[in-house]
């Protein structure tokens, strides 16, 4: 551990939050471990809830930091129209979060966890579906499954079905942990997934091409209360050490280690940070 930095000895704890799905639990642990290994005291509120719950907790000061996705900040929090250029999306959320909420977006960690539309491989081959627009004539016979949040988000079902002119036979909202089980057990035919989800190959599923470019980029980056950075500027420098370090494939492998191989999320997070030389 080494000696504590002077600022860390008498400070209050930094409260780290995350959303409830596997990737977020891993990322929340990475934030916590990075801060702890640099002498900060951390209180973990991992798996706090969905986007709005985490955002409101951050604004209120119930938590000090969590990892968010640029496209989610743009559409769900700022309620802005979808933009396609990753750098533009980042600059818009960075500016508007500071102005509206006194929150700072740090540097993106590298991967783009975009939403994607997913089917069972066998069905996609049988129905000759390769891209989302191929679903248009078939949707009336298919049941769509997603998280309750995705059914309501502007960059979720309402926008997607309008953009692609899709009318599904039914739409089922469920807990994030049940979506893949539902498609594996044929309770639903099409789901929304995350591009970095290791269960897509593990469950013999296939990602359909977003051929009409509906989804914005979703670069993951820590969002921190600006007030904390004023008191402890080192926090930004520490968390920016992961900037650009996690590729899409690396994130998918970490998710798979937890979801498919049933490894502990904190252990998976720590092993990755060790491999990058960021913690001992």
C-alpha atoms as a PDB file:
ATOM      1  CA  UNK A   1       0.000   0.000   0.000  1.00  0.00           C
ATOM      2  CA  UNK A   2       2.763   2.470   0.854  1.00  0.00           C
ATOM      3  CA  UNK A   3       2.230   5.719   2.736  1.00  0.00           C
ATOM      4  CA  UNK A   4      -1.139   7.411   2.475  1.00  0.00           C
ATOM      5  CA  UNK A   5      -1.227  10.699   0.593  1.00  0.00           C
ATOM      6  CA  UNK A   6      -1.685  13.588   3.065  1.00  0.00           C
ATOM      7  CA  UNK A   7      -5.152  14.410   1.684  1.00  0.00           C
ATOM      8  CA  UNK A   8      -6.353  10.872   2.346  1.00  0.00           C
ATOM      9  CA  UNK A   9      -5.693  10.636   6.056  1.00  0.00           C
ATOM     10  CA  UNK A  10      -8.419  12.873   7.422  1.00  0.00           C
ATOM     11  CA  UNK A  11     -10.806  12.757   4.478  1.00  0.00           C
ATOM     12  CA  UNK A  12     -14.330  11.413   4.277  1.00  0.00           C
ATOM     13  CA  UNK A  13     -14.917   8.209   2.336  1.00  0.00           C
ATOM     14  CA  UNK A  14     -15.485   8.297  -1.406  1.00  0.00           C
ATOM     15  CA  UNK A  15     -18.799   6.562  -2.121  1.00  0.00           C
ATOM     16  CA  UNK A  16     -18.640   4.515  -5.334  1.00  0.00           C
ATOM     17  CA  UNK A  17     -21.869   3.457  -7.044  1.00  0.00           C
ATOM     18  CA  UNK A  18     -22.798   1.273 -10.009  1.00  0.00           C
ATOM     19  CA  UNK A  19     -25.835  -0.019 -11.861  1.00  0.00           C
ATOM     20  CA  UNK A  20     -27.032  -3.565 -11.280  1.00  0.00           C
ATOM     21  CA  UNK A  21     -25.796  -5.560 -14.276  1.00  0.00           C
ATOM     22  CA  UNK A  22     -22.555  -7.547 -14.390  1.00  0.00           C
ATOM     23  CA  UNK A  23     -20.425  -5.114 -16.411  1.00  0.00           C
ATOM     24  CA  UNK A  24     -21.356  -2.279 -14.058  1.00  0.00           C
ATOM     25  CA  UNK A  25     -20.525  -4.344 -10.976  1.00  0.00           C
ATOM     26  CA  UNK A  26     -17.086  -5.084 -12.476  1.00  0.00           C
ATOM     27  CA  UNK A  27     -16.505  -1.400 -13.346  1.00  0.00           C
ATOM     28  CA  UNK A  28     -17.675  -0.224  -9.907  1.00  0.00           C
ATOM     29  CA  UNK A  29     -15.157  -2.586  -8.355  1.00  0.00           C
ATOM     30  CA  UNK A  30     -12.411  -1.244 -10.635  1.00  0.00           C
ATOM     31  CA  UNK A  31     -13.139   2.330  -9.503  1.00  0.00           C
ATOM     32  CA  UNK A  32     -13.131   1.213  -5.848  1.00  0.00           C
ATOM     33  CA  UNK A  33      -9.913  -0.816  -6.124  1.00  0.00           C
ATOM     34  CA  UNK A  34      -8.045   1.949  -7.977  1.00  0.00           C
ATOM     35  CA  UNK A  35      -8.980   4.517  -5.329  1.00  0.00           C
ATOM     36  CA  UNK A  36      -8.243   2.178  -2.397  1.00  0.00           C
ATOM     37  CA  UNK A  37      -4.841   1.187  -3.762  1.00  0.00           C
ATOM     38  CA  UNK A  38      -3.986   4.893  -3.885  1.00  0.00           C
ATOM     39  CA  UNK A  39      -4.844   5.523  -0.240  1.00  0.00           C
ATOM     40  CA  UNK A  40      -8.467   6.652  -0.448  1.00  0.00           C
ATOM     41  CA  UNK A  41     -11.158   5.242   1.820  1.00  0.00           C
ATOM     42  CA  UNK A  42     -14.030   3.842  -0.219  1.00  0.00           C
ATOM     43  CA  UNK A  43     -17.620   2.965   0.605  1.00  0.00           C
ATOM     44  CA  UNK A  44     -19.093   0.680  -2.080  1.00  0.00           C
ATOM     45  CA  UNK A  45     -22.701   1.056  -3.214  1.00  0.00           C
ATOM     46  CA  UNK A  46     -22.338  -1.410  -6.056  1.00  0.00           C
ATOM     47  CA  UNK A  47     -25.500  -2.565  -7.842  1.00  0.00           C
ATOM     48  CA  UNK A  48     -27.466   0.473  -6.713  1.00  0.00           C
ATOM     49  CA  UNK A  49     -30.105   0.399  -9.477  1.00  0.00           C
ATOM     50  CA  UNK A  50     -30.783   1.650 -12.997  1.00  0.00           C
ATOM     51  CA  UNK A  51     -29.505   4.746 -14.783  1.00  0.00           C
ATOM     52  CA  UNK A  52     -31.873   7.275 -13.218  1.00  0.00           C
ATOM     53  CA  UNK A  53     -31.323   5.963  -9.676  1.00  0.00           C
ATOM     54  CA  UNK A  54     -27.521   6.171 -10.043  1.00  0.00           C
ATOM     55  CA  UNK A  55     -27.652   9.600 -11.663  1.00  0.00           C
ATOM     56  CA  UNK A  56     -29.948  11.057  -8.995  1.00  0.00           C
ATOM     57  CA  UNK A  57     -27.795   9.569  -6.218  1.00  0.00           C
ATOM     58  CA  UNK A  58     -24.749  11.242  -7.801  1.00  0.00           C
ATOM     59  CA  UNK A  59     -26.496  14.620  -8.122  1.00  0.00           C
ATOM     60  CA  UNK A  60     -27.674  14.437  -4.480  1.00  0.00           C
ATOM     61  CA  UNK A  61     -24.225  13.442  -3.258  1.00  0.00           C
ATOM     62  CA  UNK A  62     -25.322  10.012  -1.954  1.00  0.00           C
ATOM     63  CA  UNK A  63     -22.548   8.652  -4.162  1.00  0.00           C
ATOM     64  CA  UNK A  64     -19.445  10.460  -5.455  1.00  0.00           C
ATOM     65  CA  UNK A  65     -18.716   8.540  -8.658  1.00  0.00           C
ATOM     66  CA  UNK A  66     -20.036   5.832 -10.976  1.00  0.00           C
ATOM     67  CA  UNK A  67     -19.251   4.721 -14.523  1.00  0.00           C
ATOM     68  CA  UNK A  68     -21.794   5.878 -17.117  1.00  0.00           C
ATOM     69  CA  UNK A  69     -22.082   5.504 -20.901  1.00  0.00           C
ATOM     70  CA  UNK A  70     -21.965   8.561 -23.164  1.00  0.00           C
ATOM     71  CA  UNK A  71     -25.022   7.580 -25.233  1.00  0.00           C
ATOM     72  CA  UNK A  72     -27.043   6.964 -22.072  1.00  0.00           C
ATOM     73  CA  UNK A  73     -26.086  10.343 -20.646  1.00  0.00           C
ATOM     74  CA  UNK A  74     -27.055  11.975 -23.936  1.00  0.00           C
ATOM     75  CA  UNK A  75     -30.484  10.379 -24.403  1.00  0.00           C
ATOM     76  CA  UNK A  76     -31.740   9.192 -21.012  1.00  0.00           C
ATOM     77  CA  UNK A  77     -30.397  11.962 -18.759  1.00  0.00           C
ATOM     78  CA  UNK A  78     -30.051  14.984 -21.057  1.00  0.00           C
ATOM     79  CA  UNK A  79     -33.026  13.902 -23.236  1.00  0.00           C
ATOM     80  CA  UNK A  80     -31.178  14.953 -26.377  1.00  0.00           C
ATOM     81  CA  UNK A  81     -31.533  13.527 -29.871  1.00  0.00           C
ATOM     82  CA  UNK A  82     -29.199  10.701 -30.860  1.00  0.00           C
ATOM     83  CA  UNK A  83     -25.810  11.781 -32.240  1.00  0.00           C
ATOM     84  CA  UNK A  84     -23.508   9.363 -34.069  1.00  0.00           C
ATOM     85  CA  UNK A  85     -19.999  10.783 -33.645  1.00  0.00           C
ATOM     86  CA  UNK A  86     -18.396   9.359 -30.453  1.00  0.00           C
ATOM     87  CA  UNK A  87     -16.259  12.454 -29.777  1.00  0.00           C
ATOM     88  CA  UNK A  88     -19.216  14.805 -30.298  1.00  0.00           C
ATOM     89  CA  UNK A  89     -21.399  12.784 -27.900  1.00  0.00           C
ATOM     90  CA  UNK A  90     -18.617  12.854 -25.290  1.00  0.00           C
ATOM     91  CA  UNK A  91     -18.122  16.626 -25.603  1.00  0.00           C
ATOM     92  CA  UNK A  92     -21.883  17.297 -25.312  1.00  0.00           C
ATOM     93  CA  UNK A  93     -22.336  15.197 -22.150  1.00  0.00           C
ATOM     94  CA  UNK A  94     -19.126  16.594 -20.637  1.00  0.00           C
ATOM     95  CA  UNK A  95     -20.259  20.190 -21.148  1.00  0.00           C
ATOM     96  CA  UNK A  96     -23.929  19.755 -20.203  1.00  0.00           C
ATOM     97  CA  UNK A  97     -23.322  17.610 -17.099  1.00  0.00           C
ATOM     98  CA  UNK A  98     -20.946  20.264 -15.754  1.00  0.00           C
ATOM     99  CA  UNK A  99     -23.390  23.098 -16.511  1.00  0.00           C
ATOM    100  CA  UNK A 100     -26.569  21.386 -15.303  1.00  0.00           C
ATOM    101  CA  UNK A 101     -25.419  19.047 -12.546  1.00  0.00           C
ATOM    102  CA  UNK A 102     -21.862  20.061 -11.491  1.00  0.00           C
ATOM    103  CA  UNK A 103     -20.668  16.619 -12.558  1.00  0.00           C
ATOM    104  CA  UNK A 104     -17.437  15.871 -14.439  1.00  0.00           C
ATOM    105  CA  UNK A 105     -16.999  13.212 -17.118  1.00  0.00           C
ATOM    106  CA  UNK A 106     -13.474  11.774 -16.949  1.00  0.00           C
ATOM    107  CA  UNK A 107     -11.755  10.129 -19.920  1.00  0.00           C
ATOM    108  CA  UNK A 108     -13.488   7.114 -21.552  1.00  0.00           C
ATOM    109  CA  UNK A 109     -11.965   3.756 -20.634  1.00  0.00           C
ATOM    110  CA  UNK A 110     -11.865   2.470 -24.212  1.00  0.00           C
ATOM    111  CA  UNK A 111     -14.788   0.202 -24.997  1.00  0.00           C
ATOM    112  CA  UNK A 112     -18.136   1.037 -26.589  1.00  0.00           C
ATOM    113  CA  UNK A 113     -20.880  -0.953 -24.872  1.00  0.00           C
ATOM    114  CA  UNK A 114     -23.502  -0.184 -27.448  1.00  0.00           C
ATOM    115  CA  UNK A 115     -26.939  -1.707 -27.274  1.00  0.00           C
ATOM    116  CA  UNK A 116     -27.517  -4.355 -29.898  1.00  0.00           C
ATOM    117  CA  UNK A 117     -30.418  -6.457 -31.135  1.00  0.00           C
ATOM    118  CA  UNK A 118     -29.880 -10.173 -30.656  1.00  0.00           C
ATOM    119  CA  UNK A 119     -31.523 -13.410 -31.849  1.00  0.00           C
ATOM    120  CA  UNK A 120     -30.912 -17.136 -31.492  1.00  0.00           C
ATOM    121  CA  UNK A 121     -28.402 -18.095 -34.195  1.00  0.00           C
ATOM    122  CA  UNK A 122     -30.580 -20.953 -35.476  1.00  0.00           C
ATOM    123  CA  UNK A 123     -33.625 -18.668 -35.895  1.00  0.00           C
ATOM    124  CA  UNK A 124     -31.598 -15.934 -37.598  1.00  0.00           C
ATOM    125  CA  UNK A 125     -30.214 -18.480 -40.091  1.00  0.00           C
ATOM    126  CA  UNK A 126     -33.624 -20.095 -40.692  1.00  0.00           C
ATOM    127  CA  UNK A 127     -35.360 -16.735 -41.217  1.00  0.00           C
ATOM    128  CA  UNK A 128     -32.372 -15.266 -43.115  1.00  0.00           C
ATOM    129  CA  UNK A 129     -32.074 -12.336 -40.708  1.00  0.00           C
ATOM    130  CA  UNK A 130     -28.706 -10.570 -40.690  1.00  0.00           C
ATOM    131  CA  UNK A 131     -29.639  -6.975 -39.901  1.00  0.00           C
ATOM    132  CA  UNK A 132     -32.294  -5.225 -37.830  1.00  0.00           C
ATOM    133  CA  UNK A 133     -34.208  -4.029 -40.919  1.00  0.00           C
ATOM    134  CA  UNK A 134     -34.683  -7.702 -41.922  1.00  0.00           C
ATOM    135  CA  UNK A 135     -37.059  -8.005 -38.935  1.00  0.00           C
ATOM    136  CA  UNK A 136     -39.654  -5.617 -40.407  1.00  0.00           C
ATOM    137  CA  UNK A 137     -41.763  -8.211 -42.294  1.00  0.00           C
ATOM    138  CA  UNK A 138     -41.292 -10.802 -39.510  1.00  0.00           C
ATOM    139  CA  UNK A 139     -41.823  -8.768 -36.327  1.00  0.00           C
ATOM    140  CA  UNK A 140     -45.570  -9.510 -36.127  1.00  0.00           C
ATOM    141  CA  UNK A 141     -44.732 -13.144 -35.315  1.00  0.00           C
ATOM    142  CA  UNK A 142     -41.891 -12.410 -32.869  1.00  0.00           C
ATOM    143  CA  UNK A 143     -41.836 -11.579 -29.151  1.00  0.00           C
ATOM    144  CA  UNK A 144     -39.311  -8.943 -28.056  1.00  0.00           C
ATOM    145  CA  UNK A 145     -37.683  -9.124 -24.617  1.00  0.00           C
ATOM    146  CA  UNK A 146     -35.684  -6.422 -22.836  1.00  0.00           C
ATOM    147  CA  UNK A 147     -35.098  -4.753 -19.505  1.00  0.00           C
ATOM    148  CA  UNK A 148     -37.938  -2.574 -18.241  1.00  0.00           C
ATOM    149  CA  UNK A 149     -35.595   0.426 -18.635  1.00  0.00           C
ATOM    150  CA  UNK A 150     -34.978  -0.383 -22.330  1.00  0.00           C
ATOM    151  CA  UNK A 151     -38.735  -0.627 -23.010  1.00  0.00           C
ATOM    152  CA  UNK A 152     -39.106   3.007 -21.893  1.00  0.00           C
ATOM    153  CA  UNK A 153     -35.858   4.716 -22.978  1.00  0.00           C
ATOM    154  CA  UNK A 154     -35.905   7.024 -26.019  1.00  0.00           C
ATOM    155  CA  UNK A 155     -32.836   5.151 -27.312  1.00  0.00           C
ATOM    156  CA  UNK A 156     -34.667   1.896 -26.498  1.00  0.00           C
ATOM    157  CA  UNK A 157     -37.872   0.320 -27.794  1.00  0.00           C
ATOM    158  CA  UNK A 158     -39.879   3.517 -28.517  1.00  0.00           C
ATOM    159  CA  UNK A 159     -37.150   4.940 -30.755  1.00  0.00           C
ATOM    160  CA  UNK A 160     -36.030   1.601 -32.208  1.00  0.00           C
ATOM    161  CA  UNK A 161     -39.484   0.436 -33.317  1.00  0.00           C
ATOM    162  CA  UNK A 162     -40.211   3.830 -34.893  1.00  0.00           C
ATOM    163  CA  UNK A 163     -36.808   4.071 -36.626  1.00  0.00           C
ATOM    164  CA  UNK A 164     -37.067   0.566 -38.118  1.00  0.00           C
ATOM    165  CA  UNK A 165     -40.906   0.498 -38.382  1.00  0.00           C
ATOM    166  CA  UNK A 166     -41.169  -2.678 -36.298  1.00  0.00           C
ATOM    167  CA  UNK A 167     -44.378  -3.996 -34.734  1.00  0.00           C
ATOM    168  CA  UNK A 168     -43.605  -6.999 -32.538  1.00  0.00           C
ATOM    169  CA  UNK A 169     -46.282  -9.520 -31.545  1.00  0.00           C
ATOM    170  CA  UNK A 170     -45.515  -8.727 -27.894  1.00  0.00           C
ATOM    171  CA  UNK A 171     -42.938  -6.926 -25.758  1.00  0.00           C
ATOM    172  CA  UNK A 172     -41.835  -8.336 -22.409  1.00  0.00           C
ATOM    173  CA  UNK A 173     -39.941  -6.310 -19.803  1.00  0.00           C
ATOM    174  CA  UNK A 174     -37.797  -8.168 -17.267  1.00  0.00           C
ATOM    175  CA  UNK A 175     -34.905  -7.984 -14.844  1.00  0.00           C
ATOM    176  CA  UNK A 176     -31.479  -7.612 -16.587  1.00  0.00           C
ATOM    177  CA  UNK A 177     -30.397 -11.044 -15.339  1.00  0.00           C
ATOM    178  CA  UNK A 178     -33.381 -12.803 -16.954  1.00  0.00           C
ATOM    179  CA  UNK A 179     -33.194 -11.494 -20.526  1.00  0.00           C
ATOM    180  CA  UNK A 180     -30.678 -14.088 -21.771  1.00  0.00           C
ATOM    181  CA  UNK A 181     -32.447 -16.907 -19.914  1.00  0.00           C
ATOM    182  CA  UNK A 182     -35.704 -15.874 -21.631  1.00  0.00           C
ATOM    183  CA  UNK A 183     -34.218 -16.083 -25.139  1.00  0.00           C
ATOM    184  CA  UNK A 184     -32.360 -19.324 -24.368  1.00  0.00           C
ATOM    185  CA  UNK A 185     -35.630 -20.876 -23.118  1.00  0.00           C
ATOM    186  CA  UNK A 186     -37.578 -19.503 -26.123  1.00  0.00           C
ATOM    187  CA  UNK A 187     -39.907 -17.331 -24.031  1.00  0.00           C
ATOM    188  CA  UNK A 188     -38.908 -14.476 -26.363  1.00  0.00           C
ATOM    189  CA  UNK A 189     -37.444 -14.415 -29.887  1.00  0.00           C
ATOM    190  CA  UNK A 190     -35.508 -11.152 -30.062  1.00  0.00           C
ATOM    191  CA  UNK A 191     -33.783  -9.248 -27.243  1.00  0.00           C
ATOM    192  CA  UNK A 192     -31.786  -6.114 -26.669  1.00  0.00           C
ATOM    193  CA  UNK A 193     -28.297  -6.970 -25.488  1.00  0.00           C
ATOM    194  CA  UNK A 194     -24.984  -5.256 -24.875  1.00  0.00           C
ATOM    195  CA  UNK A 195     -22.225  -5.563 -27.474  1.00  0.00           C
ATOM    196  CA  UNK A 196     -19.724  -6.438 -24.728  1.00  0.00           C
ATOM    197  CA  UNK A 197     -21.836  -9.248 -23.213  1.00  0.00           C
ATOM    198  CA  UNK A 198     -19.984 -12.566 -23.066  1.00  0.00           C
ATOM    199  CA  UNK A 199     -23.285 -14.481 -23.007  1.00  0.00           C
ATOM    200  CA  UNK A 200     -23.961 -13.722 -26.693  1.00  0.00           C
ATOM    201  CA  UNK A 201     -21.446 -16.321 -27.960  1.00  0.00           C
ATOM    202  CA  UNK A 202     -21.973 -18.587 -24.923  1.00  0.00           C
ATOM    203  CA  UNK A 203     -25.735 -18.898 -25.600  1.00  0.00           C
ATOM    204  CA  UNK A 204     -25.360 -19.352 -29.404  1.00  0.00           C
ATOM    205  CA  UNK A 205     -26.896 -15.975 -30.129  1.00  0.00           C
ATOM    206  CA  UNK A 206     -26.132 -13.587 -32.941  1.00  0.00           C
ATOM    207  CA  UNK A 207     -26.006  -9.765 -33.058  1.00  0.00           C
ATOM    208  CA  UNK A 208     -28.012  -8.174 -35.874  1.00  0.00           C
ATOM    209  CA  UNK A 209     -26.352  -5.331 -37.740  1.00  0.00           C
ATOM    210  CA  UNK A 210     -27.761  -1.890 -36.815  1.00  0.00           C
ATOM    211  CA  UNK A 211     -27.908  -1.153 -40.558  1.00  0.00           C
ATOM    212  CA  UNK A 212     -29.996   2.031 -40.247  1.00  0.00           C
ATOM    213  CA  UNK A 213     -27.672   3.342 -37.533  1.00  0.00           C
ATOM    214  CA  UNK A 214     -30.142   3.820 -34.676  1.00  0.00           C
ATOM    215  CA  UNK A 215     -27.936   3.458 -31.595  1.00  0.00           C
ATOM    216  CA  UNK A 216     -25.557   6.227 -30.473  1.00  0.00           C
ATOM    217  CA  UNK A 217     -22.047   5.402 -29.198  1.00  0.00           C
ATOM    218  CA  UNK A 218     -21.900   4.282 -25.556  1.00  0.00           C
ATOM    219  CA  UNK A 219     -18.344   4.933 -24.389  1.00  0.00           C
ATOM    220  CA  UNK A 220     -17.906   4.069 -20.709  1.00  0.00           C
ATOM    221  CA  UNK A 221     -16.311   6.713 -18.481  1.00  0.00           C
ATOM    222  CA  UNK A 222     -16.368   7.606 -14.778  1.00  0.00           C
ATOM    223  CA  UNK A 223     -18.670  10.501 -13.868  1.00  0.00           C
ATOM    224  CA  UNK A 224     -17.593  12.279 -10.680  1.00  0.00           C
ATOM    225  CA  UNK A 225     -19.009  15.037  -8.501  1.00  0.00           C
ATOM    226  CA  UNK A 226     -17.000  18.144  -9.466  1.00  0.00           C
ATOM    227  CA  UNK A 227     -16.978  19.102  -5.771  1.00  0.00           C
ATOM    228  CA  UNK A 228     -14.949  15.946  -5.001  1.00  0.00           C
ATOM    229  CA  UNK A 229     -12.389  16.752  -7.713  1.00  0.00           C
ATOM    230  CA  UNK A 230     -11.926  20.252  -6.282  1.00  0.00           C
ATOM    231  CA  UNK A 231     -11.074  18.720  -2.887  1.00  0.00           C
ATOM    232  CA  UNK A 232      -9.148  15.721  -4.245  1.00  0.00           C
ATOM    233  CA  UNK A 233      -7.885  16.407  -7.794  1.00  0.00           C
ATOM    234  CA  UNK A 234      -5.803  13.219  -7.617  1.00  0.00           C
ATOM    235  CA  UNK A 235      -9.044  11.207  -8.075  1.00  0.00           C
ATOM    236  CA  UNK A 236      -9.241  12.288 -11.739  1.00  0.00           C
ATOM    237  CA  UNK A 237      -5.615  11.386 -12.392  1.00  0.00           C
ATOM    238  CA  UNK A 238      -6.062   7.949 -10.754  1.00  0.00           C
ATOM    239  CA  UNK A 239      -9.256   7.038 -12.645  1.00  0.00           C
ATOM    240  CA  UNK A 240      -7.862   8.386 -15.938  1.00  0.00           C
ATOM    241  CA  UNK A 241      -5.101   5.756 -15.727  1.00  0.00           C
ATOM    242  CA  UNK A 242      -7.642   3.347 -17.265  1.00  0.00           C
ATOM    243  CA  UNK A 243      -8.373   5.716 -20.196  1.00  0.00           C
ATOM    244  CA  UNK A 244      -8.394   3.720 -23.437  1.00  0.00           C
ATOM    245  CA  UNK A 245      -7.167   0.583 -21.636  1.00  0.00           C
ATOM    246  CA  UNK A 246     -10.245  -1.682 -21.956  1.00  0.00           C
ATOM    247  CA  UNK A 247     -11.102  -2.866 -25.481  1.00  0.00           C
ATOM    248  CA  UNK A 248     -14.558  -4.193 -26.459  1.00  0.00           C
ATOM    249  CA  UNK A 249     -13.138  -7.732 -26.509  1.00  0.00           C
ATOM    250  CA  UNK A 250     -11.444  -7.314 -23.123  1.00  0.00           C
ATOM    251  CA  UNK A 251     -14.697  -6.092 -21.544  1.00  0.00           C
ATOM    252  CA  UNK A 252     -16.634  -8.976 -23.109  1.00  0.00           C
ATOM    253  CA  UNK A 253     -14.083 -11.429 -21.664  1.00  0.00           C
ATOM    254  CA  UNK A 254     -14.412  -9.875 -18.184  1.00  0.00           C
ATOM    255  CA  UNK A 255     -18.218 -10.064 -18.378  1.00  0.00           C
ATOM    256  CA  UNK A 256     -18.009 -13.662 -19.554  1.00  0.00           C
ATOM    257  CA  UNK A 257     -15.711 -14.588 -16.651  1.00  0.00           C
ATOM    258  CA  UNK A 258     -18.490 -13.529 -14.254  1.00  0.00           C
ATOM    259  CA  UNK A 259     -21.658 -14.459 -16.194  1.00  0.00           C
ATOM    260  CA  UNK A 260     -20.518 -17.676 -17.859  1.00  0.00           C
ATOM    261  CA  UNK A 261     -17.630 -18.957 -15.713  1.00  0.00           C
ATOM    262  CA  UNK A 262     -19.253 -17.705 -12.477  1.00  0.00           C
ATOM    263  CA  UNK A 263     -16.108 -15.989 -11.158  1.00  0.00           C
ATOM    264  CA  UNK A 264     -16.336 -13.272  -8.490  1.00  0.00           C
ATOM    265  CA  UNK A 265     -16.724  -9.774 -10.001  1.00  0.00           C
ATOM    266  CA  UNK A 266     -14.281  -8.099  -7.606  1.00  0.00           C
ATOM    267  CA  UNK A 267     -11.628 -10.761  -8.277  1.00  0.00           C
ATOM    268  CA  UNK A 268     -12.109 -10.365 -12.042  1.00  0.00           C
ATOM    269  CA  UNK A 269     -11.773  -6.567 -11.701  1.00  0.00           C
ATOM    270  CA  UNK A 270      -8.647  -6.870  -9.551  1.00  0.00           C
ATOM    271  CA  UNK A 271      -6.961  -9.367 -11.888  1.00  0.00           C
ATOM    272  CA  UNK A 272      -7.495  -7.023 -14.839  1.00  0.00           C
ATOM    273  CA  UNK A 273      -6.081  -4.020 -12.952  1.00  0.00           C
ATOM    274  CA  UNK A 274      -3.057  -6.135 -11.945  1.00  0.00           C
ATOM    275  CA  UNK A 275      -2.537  -7.141 -15.595  1.00  0.00           C
ATOM    276  CA  UNK A 276      -2.401  -3.423 -16.464  1.00  0.00           C
ATOM    277  CA  UNK A 277       0.069  -2.728 -13.648  1.00  0.00           C
ATOM    278  CA  UNK A 278      -2.440  -0.435 -11.913  1.00  0.00           C
ATOM    279  CA  UNK A 279      -2.763  -2.260  -8.584  1.00  0.00           C
ATOM    280  CA  UNK A 280      -0.460  -4.657  -6.778  1.00  0.00           C
END
